[in-house]
Protein backbone atom coordinates (compact mmCIF):
# COMPACT_ATOMS: atom_id res chain seq x y z
CA TYR A 1 0.08 0.02 -0.03
CA SER A 2 2.76 2.44 0.69
CA ARG A 3 4.13 2.02 -2.65
CA PHE A 4 0.59 2.62 -4.35
CA PHE A 5 -0.07 5.94 -2.29
CA HIS A 6 3.37 7.10 -2.90
CA LYS A 7 2.95 6.64 -6.65
CA LEU A 8 -0.41 8.44 -6.40
CA LEU A 9 1.21 11.26 -4.65
CA ARG A 10 3.94 11.40 -7.30
CA ASP A 11 1.23 11.53 -10.16
CA THR A 12 -0.51 14.53 -8.41
CA GLY A 13 2.91 16.24 -7.91
CA LEU A 14 3.13 16.18 -4.22
CA VAL A 15 6.27 14.25 -4.25
CA GLU A 16 9.31 13.82 -6.97
CA SER A 17 10.66 10.30 -6.26
CA ASP A 18 9.26 7.04 -7.94
CA GLU A 19 9.31 5.03 -4.94
CA PRO A 20 8.84 5.67 -1.04
CA PHE A 21 12.13 3.86 0.00
CA LYS A 22 15.50 2.75 -1.22
CA GLN A 23 14.96 -0.84 0.16
CA LEU A 24 12.16 -2.90 1.40
CA LEU A 25 11.90 -6.03 3.61
CA CYS A 26 8.45 -7.68 3.47
CA GLN A 27 8.53 -9.87 6.64
CA GLY A 28 6.94 -13.32 6.48
CA MET A 29 4.13 -14.63 8.79
CA VAL A 30 4.01 -16.72 11.90
CA LEU A 31 2.40 -20.01 11.35
CA LYS A 32 1.00 -22.60 13.79
CA ASP A 33 0.32 -26.22 12.59
CA GLY A 34 1.33 -24.99 8.95
CA ALA A 35 -1.44 -22.36 8.84
CA LYS A 36 -1.54 -18.51 9.38
CA MET A 37 -2.38 -17.73 12.96
CA SER A 38 -5.99 -16.71 13.12
CA LYS A 39 -8.49 -16.45 16.12
CA SER A 40 -11.19 -17.86 13.93
CA LYS A 41 -9.01 -21.01 13.34
CA GLY A 42 -8.22 -21.31 17.16
CA ASN A 43 -4.38 -21.62 16.45
CA THR A 44 -3.08 -18.49 17.98
CA VAL A 45 -0.44 -18.31 20.71
CA ASP A 46 -0.37 -15.69 23.20
CA PRO A 47 2.87 -14.08 23.36
CA GLN A 48 2.32 -12.83 26.94
CA GLU A 49 2.03 -16.21 28.37
CA MET A 50 5.37 -16.96 26.66
CA ILE A 51 6.96 -14.00 27.82
CA GLU A 52 5.82 -14.68 31.45
CA GLU A 53 7.27 -18.15 31.28
CA TYR A 54 10.54 -17.65 29.30
CA GLY A 55 11.08 -13.82 29.22
CA ALA A 56 10.89 -11.28 26.23
CA ASP A 57 14.23 -12.06 25.11
CA THR A 58 13.82 -15.69 24.91
CA VAL A 59 10.91 -14.88 22.72
CA ARG A 60 12.56 -12.54 20.51
CA LEU A 61 15.71 -14.82 20.17
CA PHE A 62 13.40 -17.68 19.11
CA MET A 63 11.45 -15.78 16.45
CA MET A 64 14.83 -14.01 14.97
CA PHE A 65 16.25 -17.68 14.91
CA ALA A 66 13.46 -19.76 13.60
CA ALA A 67 13.48 -18.40 9.99
CA PRO A 68 14.93 -15.66 7.93
CA PRO A 69 12.79 -12.19 8.19
CA GLU A 70 11.38 -12.45 4.65
CA GLN A 71 9.97 -15.98 5.22
CA SER A 72 7.14 -17.46 7.27
CA LEU A 73 8.21 -19.18 10.40
CA GLU A 74 6.49 -22.09 12.17
CA TRP A 75 5.86 -21.39 15.79
CA ASN A 76 7.24 -24.28 17.92
CA ASP A 77 7.25 -24.39 21.75
CA SER A 78 10.29 -26.42 21.67
CA GLY A 79 12.06 -24.12 19.77
CA VAL A 80 11.12 -21.34 22.38
CA GLU A 81 12.67 -23.78 25.07
CA GLY A 82 15.81 -24.31 22.85
CA ALA A 83 16.37 -20.38 22.70
CA PHE A 84 15.83 -20.38 26.62
CA ARG A 85 18.49 -23.08 27.15
CA PHE A 86 20.99 -21.18 25.01
CA LEU A 87 20.45 -18.08 27.02
CA LYS A 88 20.78 -19.90 30.28
CA ARG A 89 24.14 -21.48 28.96
CA LEU A 90 25.49 -17.99 28.31
CA TRP A 91 24.44 -16.80 31.42
CA ARG A 92 26.18 -19.82 33.29
CA LEU A 93 29.36 -19.26 31.18
CA VAL A 94 29.43 -15.61 32.12
CA ALA A 95 28.77 -16.44 35.95
CA GLU A 96 31.38 -19.02 36.07
CA HIS A 97 33.95 -16.67 34.40
CA VAL A 98 33.15 -13.80 36.67
CA GLU A 99 33.33 -15.92 39.70
CA ALA A 100 36.81 -17.09 38.83
CA GLY A 101 37.81 -13.37 38.69
CA LEU A 102 38.07 -10.55 35.99
CA PRO A 103 41.23 -10.96 34.02
CA GLY A 104 43.82 -8.30 33.30
CA ALA A 105 44.40 -6.74 29.94
CA LEU A 106 44.68 -8.98 26.87
CA ASN A 107 48.27 -9.58 25.80
CA VAL A 108 48.03 -10.65 22.03
CA ASP A 109 51.65 -11.37 21.98
CA SER A 110 51.81 -14.13 24.29
CA LEU A 111 48.88 -16.23 23.09
CA ASP A 112 49.15 -19.96 22.41
CA ASP A 113 47.43 -21.70 19.41
CA ASN A 114 44.22 -22.53 21.24
CA ALA A 115 43.88 -18.99 22.50
CA LYS A 116 44.67 -17.66 19.07
CA ALA A 117 41.88 -19.98 17.42
CA LEU A 118 39.39 -18.46 19.99
CA ARG A 119 40.32 -14.96 19.12
CA ARG A 120 40.00 -15.71 15.52
CA LYS A 121 36.54 -17.14 15.99
CA THR A 122 35.51 -14.08 18.06
CA HIS A 123 36.47 -11.76 15.47
CA GLU A 124 34.92 -13.93 12.64
CA THR A 125 31.63 -13.82 14.66
CA ILE A 126 31.57 -9.97 15.10
CA GLN A 127 32.55 -9.79 11.24
CA LYS A 128 29.70 -12.02 10.21
CA VAL A 129 27.03 -10.78 12.77
CA SER A 130 28.13 -7.14 11.58
CA ASP A 131 27.24 -8.06 7.93
CA ASP A 132 24.20 -10.27 8.60
CA PHE A 133 22.67 -7.34 10.50
CA GLY A 134 23.56 -4.35 8.41
CA ARG A 135 23.85 -5.50 4.89
CA ARG A 136 21.91 -8.97 4.56
CA HIS A 137 19.58 -8.71 7.40
CA THR A 138 19.57 -12.47 8.16
CA PHE A 139 19.39 -12.52 11.95
CA ASN A 140 18.90 -16.16 12.08
CA THR A 141 22.60 -16.80 10.65
CA ALA A 142 23.88 -14.15 12.93
CA ILE A 143 22.41 -15.79 15.69
CA ALA A 144 23.75 -19.22 14.58
CA ALA A 145 27.32 -17.58 14.49
CA VAL A 146 26.93 -16.52 18.02
CA MET A 147 26.02 -19.95 19.04
CA GLU A 148 29.00 -21.46 17.46
CA LEU A 149 31.16 -19.05 19.27
CA ILE A 150 29.66 -20.04 22.63
CA ASN A 151 30.34 -23.52 21.63
CA ASP A 152 33.98 -22.83 21.39
CA VAL A 153 33.91 -20.90 24.72
CA SER A 154 32.31 -23.53 26.55
CA LYS A 155 35.17 -25.83 25.51
CA PHE A 156 37.99 -23.28 25.90
CA ASP A 157 40.32 -23.62 28.98
CA GLY A 158 43.20 -21.30 28.37
CA ASP A 159 43.86 -17.32 28.59
CA ALA A 160 41.02 -15.81 30.52
CA ALA A 161 41.45 -12.39 28.90
CA VAL A 162 40.90 -14.18 25.60
CA LYS A 163 37.65 -15.63 27.03
CA HIS A 164 36.47 -12.36 28.27
CA GLU A 165 36.74 -10.89 25.05
CA ALA A 166 34.71 -13.42 23.32
CA LEU A 167 31.97 -13.25 26.05
CA GLU A 168 31.95 -9.57 25.72
CA ALA A 169 31.67 -9.99 22.08
CA ALA A 170 28.75 -12.50 22.27
CA VAL A 171 26.84 -10.12 24.71
CA LEU A 172 27.37 -7.16 22.63
CA VAL A 173 26.29 -8.50 19.27
CA LEU A 174 23.13 -10.12 20.87
CA ALA A 175 22.02 -6.84 22.57
CA PRO A 176 19.72 -5.81 19.81
CA ILE A 177 17.98 -9.06 20.13
CA THR A 178 18.23 -10.00 23.79
CA PRO A 179 18.53 -6.43 25.50
CA HIS A 180 17.73 -7.36 28.87
CA ALA A 181 19.92 -10.30 29.45
CA SER A 182 22.67 -8.66 27.49
CA HIS A 183 22.55 -5.52 30.04
CA ALA A 184 22.87 -7.75 32.90
CA LEU A 185 25.59 -9.70 31.50
CA TRP A 186 27.50 -6.73 30.21
CA GLN A 187 27.62 -5.17 33.63
CA ALA A 188 28.47 -8.25 35.20
CA LEU A 189 31.62 -8.51 32.71
CA GLY A 190 32.91 -5.31 34.42
CA HIS A 191 31.02 -2.42 32.89
CA ASP A 192 29.26 0.26 34.55
CA GLU A 193 27.65 1.70 31.34
CA ALA A 194 24.34 0.46 29.84
CA VAL A 195 25.00 -2.02 27.01
CA LEU A 196 22.85 0.14 24.91
CA ASN A 197 25.33 2.77 25.24
CA ALA A 198 28.40 0.45 24.47
CA ALA A 199 30.01 0.79 20.99
CA TRP A 200 29.52 -2.09 18.55
CA PRO A 201 32.55 -4.37 18.54
CA ASP A 202 35.32 -3.61 15.94
CA VAL A 203 36.92 -6.38 14.16
CA ASP A 204 40.75 -6.89 14.65
CA GLU A 205 41.87 -7.83 11.22
CA SER A 206 44.97 -9.25 12.60
CA ALA A 207 43.17 -11.83 14.76
CA LEU A 208 41.68 -13.13 11.54
CA VAL A 209 44.94 -14.13 10.06
CA LYS A 210 45.61 -17.92 10.01
CA ASP A 211 49.04 -19.30 10.72
CA SER A 212 48.12 -22.61 8.70
CA ILE A 213 45.35 -23.06 6.28
CA GLU A 214 43.58 -26.58 5.14
CA LEU A 215 43.75 -27.06 1.37
CA VAL A 216 41.90 -29.73 -0.58
CA VAL A 217 44.11 -31.88 -3.04
CA GLN A 218 42.38 -33.32 -6.17
CA VAL A 219 43.65 -35.79 -8.60
CA ASN A 220 41.84 -35.19 -12.02
CA GLY A 221 39.24 -33.28 -10.19
CA LYS A 222 38.35 -35.83 -7.50
CA VAL A 223 39.29 -35.16 -3.80
CA ARG A 224 42.21 -37.29 -2.65
CA ALA A 225 43.49 -35.63 0.57
CA LYS A 226 43.41 -32.50 2.54
CA LEU A 227 46.61 -30.71 3.58
CA GLU A 228 47.49 -28.55 6.37
CA VAL A 229 50.11 -26.02 5.05
CA PRO A 230 51.70 -22.50 6.53
CA ALA A 231 49.53 -19.69 5.61
CA SER A 232 52.83 -18.13 3.82
CA ALA A 233 53.57 -20.97 1.97
CA ASP A 234 54.42 -20.25 -1.76
CA LYS A 235 53.10 -22.11 -4.73
CA ASP A 236 56.15 -24.33 -5.31
CA THR A 237 55.86 -25.26 -1.49
CA VAL A 238 52.27 -26.24 -1.80
CA GLU A 239 52.70 -28.35 -4.95
CA SER A 240 55.53 -30.36 -3.07
CA LEU A 241 53.60 -31.02 -0.22
CA ALA A 242 50.47 -32.09 -2.26
CA LYS A 243 52.59 -34.53 -4.46
CA ALA A 244 54.03 -36.08 -1.39
CA GLU A 245 50.67 -36.89 0.16
CA PRO A 246 50.43 -40.76 0.47
CA ASN A 247 46.73 -40.95 -0.99
CA VAL A 248 47.91 -38.50 -3.94
CA GLN A 249 50.85 -40.84 -4.89
CA LYS A 250 48.53 -43.79 -4.98
CA PHE A 251 46.60 -42.18 -7.58
CA THR A 252 49.58 -40.69 -9.43
CA ASP A 253 52.09 -43.47 -9.36
CA GLY A 254 52.78 -44.90 -12.94
CA LYS A 255 51.16 -41.74 -14.52
CA THR A 256 52.56 -38.50 -15.91
CA ILE A 257 51.67 -35.20 -14.05
CA ARG A 258 50.66 -32.88 -16.89
CA LYS A 259 49.84 -29.79 -14.78
CA VAL A 260 49.27 -28.74 -11.24
CA ILE A 261 46.62 -26.11 -10.56
CA VAL A 262 46.80 -24.26 -7.28
CA VAL A 263 44.13 -22.12 -6.21
CA PRO A 264 45.55 -20.09 -3.20
CA GLY A 265 43.72 -20.78 -0.03
CA LYS A 266 41.59 -23.28 -1.48
CA LEU A 267 42.64 -26.40 -3.48
CA VAL A 268 45.42 -28.12 -5.54
CA ASN A 269 44.33 -30.00 -8.63
CA ILE A 270 46.78 -32.25 -9.95
CA VAL A 271 46.13 -33.54 -13.63
CA ALA A 272 47.73 -36.78 -14.55
CA ASN A 273 47.41 -39.56 -17.10
């Protein structure tokens, strides 16, 4: 309707633009038992009841996670319970971290490989959530990325400052969806300010750099091995390592290698006959 009325206003000379907005996101509907919620069908869910049982943050988190905003989502009570369990898990991780004592400043020069991996995951998550929120509007994948980060945090037993950074990032990027829980957790992590006044986290590009990368090795287009190589390895080194893989040699023995194609950071394809 907004476009219809805007074009009417344009035709009457009251506005000059052809469209009322630069971008339009039409959200999907909430379904229950495969049908649009309707009082006449008796398939409605009272959000107030769910809010009283689980909290507004949980209900909002479920609805943002259940489907992309432009698609219809199927209301599922077990999905709400799953969102509630995730928030409780995050709450517990922060509580345990705070109980152990808040760490000092992060020293990125003294990190071991596990700590570097968690830092990389933290900043990959910030990068993805920022893009999902700001450009793609895919809130469900943003939440999924935070869930992956929390999985890694729960398994991490290392530098407390790295863990602190990861928890802060998770709380901050969830704040637009779970503002009440995020506010409480943000202050528990040592901040006096409200989370809504906190700056959006910046991506540390240096944290994204990998010391090593995994390459797929193909022989005549078929995957025969996976290869871990230093990120700084040159083309000749990658070729030599790929050819030395036992399973690659199995499929190249007795054949002439005609060509080796190296796609940096992705794969090596050996052409042999």
